[in-house]
C-alpha atoms as a PDB file:
ATOM      1  CA  MET A   1      20.679 -19.311  16.540  1.00  0.00           C
ATOM      2  CA  PHE A   2      18.911 -16.198  17.853  1.00  0.00           C
ATOM      3  CA  ILE A   3      20.914 -13.298  19.098  1.00  0.00           C
ATOM      4  CA  SER A   4      19.866 -11.848  22.417  1.00  0.00           C
ATOM      5  CA  SER A   5      17.915  -8.916  20.959  1.00  0.00           C
ATOM      6  CA  ASN A   6      15.807 -11.245  18.769  1.00  0.00           C
ATOM      7  CA  ILE A   7      14.919 -13.338  21.805  1.00  0.00           C
ATOM      8  CA  GLU A   8      13.951 -10.226  23.734  1.00  0.00           C
ATOM      9  CA  GLN A   9      11.854  -8.917  20.848  1.00  0.00           C
ATOM     10  CA  SER A  10      10.143 -12.296  20.495  1.00  0.00           C
ATOM     11  CA  ALA A  11       9.390 -12.410  24.211  1.00  0.00           C
ATOM     12  CA  GLU A  12       7.910  -8.892  24.085  1.00  0.00           C
ATOM     13  CA  LEU A  13       5.718  -9.805  21.120  1.00  0.00           C
ATOM     14  CA  LEU A  14       4.476 -12.959  22.833  1.00  0.00           C
ATOM     15  CA  LYS A  15       3.710 -11.027  26.033  1.00  0.00           C
ATOM     16  CA  PHE A  16       1.836  -8.441  23.985  1.00  0.00           C
ATOM     17  CA  LEU A  17      -0.176 -11.154  22.263  1.00  0.00           C
ATOM     18  CA  GLY A  18      -0.980 -12.713  25.640  1.00  0.00           C
ATOM     19  CA  ASP A  19      -3.988 -10.418  26.012  1.00  0.00           C
ATOM     20  CA  THR A  20      -7.275 -12.170  25.275  1.00  0.00           C
ATOM     21  CA  THR A  21      -8.944  -9.164  23.652  1.00  0.00           C
ATOM     22  CA  ARG A  22      -5.973  -8.469  21.370  1.00  0.00           C
ATOM     23  CA  LEU A  23      -5.885 -12.111  20.286  1.00  0.00           C
ATOM     24  CA  LYS A  24      -9.635 -12.076  19.587  1.00  0.00           C
ATOM     25  CA  ILE A  25      -9.253  -8.896  17.520  1.00  0.00           C
ATOM     26  CA  LEU A  26      -6.374 -10.297  15.479  1.00  0.00           C
ATOM     27  CA  ASN A  27      -8.111 -13.639  15.003  1.00  0.00           C
ATOM     28  CA  THR A  28     -11.295 -11.900  13.860  1.00  0.00           C
ATOM     29  CA  LEU A  29      -9.447  -9.790  11.290  1.00  0.00           C
ATOM     30  CA  PHE A  30      -7.435 -12.803  10.167  1.00  0.00           C
ATOM     31  CA  SER A  31     -10.555 -14.979   9.820  1.00  0.00           C
ATOM     32  CA  GLU A  32     -12.525 -12.319   7.952  1.00  0.00           C
ATOM     33  CA  GLY A  33      -9.623 -11.658   5.582  1.00  0.00           C
ATOM     34  CA  LYS A  34     -10.654  -8.046   5.076  1.00  0.00           C
ATOM     35  CA  GLU A  35     -10.722  -4.696   6.821  1.00  0.00           C
ATOM     36  CA  MET A  36     -13.332  -4.178   9.500  1.00  0.00           C
ATOM     37  CA  CYS A  37     -14.717  -1.140  11.291  1.00  0.00           C
ATOM     38  CA  VAL A  38     -14.364  -0.683  15.037  1.00  0.00           C
ATOM     39  CA  ASN A  39     -18.022  -1.443  15.784  1.00  0.00           C
ATOM     40  CA  GLU A  40     -17.871  -4.669  13.737  1.00  0.00           C
ATOM     41  CA  ILE A  41     -14.729  -5.764  15.550  1.00  0.00           C
ATOM     42  CA  ALA A  42     -16.190  -4.863  18.961  1.00  0.00           C
ATOM     43  CA  ASP A  43     -19.336  -6.901  18.230  1.00  0.00           C
ATOM     44  CA  ALA A  44     -17.296  -9.860  16.982  1.00  0.00           C
ATOM     45  CA  VAL A  45     -15.029 -10.001  20.045  1.00  0.00           C
ATOM     46  CA  GLY A  46     -17.714  -9.157  22.591  1.00  0.00           C
ATOM     47  CA  ALA A  47     -16.024  -6.039  23.958  1.00  0.00           C
ATOM     48  CA  SER A  48     -17.091  -2.414  24.260  1.00  0.00           C
ATOM     49  CA  GLN A  49     -16.155  -0.039  21.459  1.00  0.00           C
ATOM     50  CA  SER A  50     -13.989   1.891  23.898  1.00  0.00           C
ATOM     51  CA  ALA A  51     -12.010  -1.185  25.001  1.00  0.00           C
ATOM     52  CA  THR A  52     -11.725  -2.347  21.403  1.00  0.00           C
ATOM     53  CA  SER A  53     -10.492   1.053  20.215  1.00  0.00           C
ATOM     54  CA  HIS A  54      -7.880   1.068  22.974  1.00  0.00           C
ATOM     55  CA  GLN A  55      -6.532  -2.330  21.930  1.00  0.00           C
ATOM     56  CA  LEU A  56      -6.665  -1.420  18.233  1.00  0.00           C
ATOM     57  CA  ALA A  57      -4.550   1.660  18.945  1.00  0.00           C
ATOM     58  CA  ARG A  58      -1.961  -0.524  20.682  1.00  0.00           C
ATOM     59  CA  LEU A  59      -1.892  -2.908  17.703  1.00  0.00           C
ATOM     60  CA  GLU A  60      -1.519   0.056  15.373  1.00  0.00           C
ATOM     61  CA  ALA A  61       1.380   1.419  17.442  1.00  0.00           C
ATOM     62  CA  LEU A  62       3.228  -1.875  16.870  1.00  0.00           C
ATOM     63  CA  ASN A  63       2.607  -1.561  13.107  1.00  0.00           C
ATOM     64  CA  ILE A  64       0.502  -4.726  13.069  1.00  0.00           C
ATOM     65  CA  LEU A  65      -2.654  -2.885  12.031  1.00  0.00           C
ATOM     66  CA  CYS A  66      -3.333   0.365  10.226  1.00  0.00           C
ATOM     67  CA  CYS A  67      -6.504   2.404  10.272  1.00  0.00           C
ATOM     68  CA  PHE A  68      -8.363   4.499   7.746  1.00  0.00           C
ATOM     69  CA  ARG A  69     -11.649   6.383   7.665  1.00  0.00           C
ATOM     70  CA  ASP A  70     -14.629   5.249   5.663  1.00  0.00           C
ATOM     71  CA  GLY A  71     -16.991   8.202   6.061  1.00  0.00           C
ATOM     72  CA  GLN A  72     -17.778   8.357   9.774  1.00  0.00           C
ATOM     73  CA  LYS A  73     -16.343   4.898  10.452  1.00  0.00           C
ATOM     74  CA  VAL A  74     -12.793   4.059  11.484  1.00  0.00           C
ATOM     75  CA  CYS A  75     -11.665   0.779   9.964  1.00  0.00           C
ATOM     76  CA  TYR A  76      -8.618  -1.418  10.541  1.00  0.00           C
ATOM     77  CA  GLU A  77      -6.640  -3.879   8.476  1.00  0.00           C
ATOM     78  CA  PHE A  78      -3.317  -5.678   8.705  1.00  0.00           C
ATOM     79  CA  THR A  79      -0.245  -3.773   7.538  1.00  0.00           C
ATOM     80  CA  SER A  80       2.303  -5.272   5.175  1.00  0.00           C
ATOM     81  CA  ALA A  81       5.021  -5.141   7.855  1.00  0.00           C
ATOM     82  CA  PRO A  82       7.094  -8.320   8.355  1.00  0.00           C
ATOM     83  CA  ILE A  83       5.774  -8.695  11.921  1.00  0.00           C
ATOM     84  CA  VAL A  84       2.302  -9.393  10.527  1.00  0.00           C
ATOM     85  CA  GLU A  85       3.403 -12.712   9.011  1.00  0.00           C
ATOM     86  CA  SER A  86       4.765 -13.769  12.402  1.00  0.00           C
ATOM     87  CA  VAL A  87       1.475 -12.811  14.053  1.00  0.00           C
ATOM     88  CA  LYS A  88      -0.539 -14.686  11.425  1.00  0.00           C
ATOM     89  CA  ASN A  89       1.617 -17.796  11.949  1.00  0.00           C
ATOM     90  CA  ILE A  90       1.014 -17.579  15.704  1.00  0.00           C
ATOM     91  CA  LEU A  91      -2.739 -17.286  15.089  1.00  0.00           C
ATOM     92  CA  LYS A  92      -2.668 -20.410  12.925  1.00  0.00           C
ATOM     93  CA  ILE A  93      -1.186 -22.326  15.856  1.00  0.00           C
ATOM     94  CA  VAL A  94      -3.697 -21.083  18.425  1.00  0.00           C
END
């Protein structure tokens, strides 16, 4: 049985994942199975680099993604945080 805080945290995560662009970003990274740079992600999800960067920053703030520089490029990949497995399981369902 979930305690109240787990239910609230789950609801917040599901609300957060309710954004189409964020889901496209996560699905793209999950499908590719490797890190990707912002411009690659933006092209794959059909969003501007600015909008993509904004959503990537939000995903990074939740410790779902982490970023690193590859020369002039900023790239993202999944973290090893426990929340990532939950997100990946959700993506498998949708």
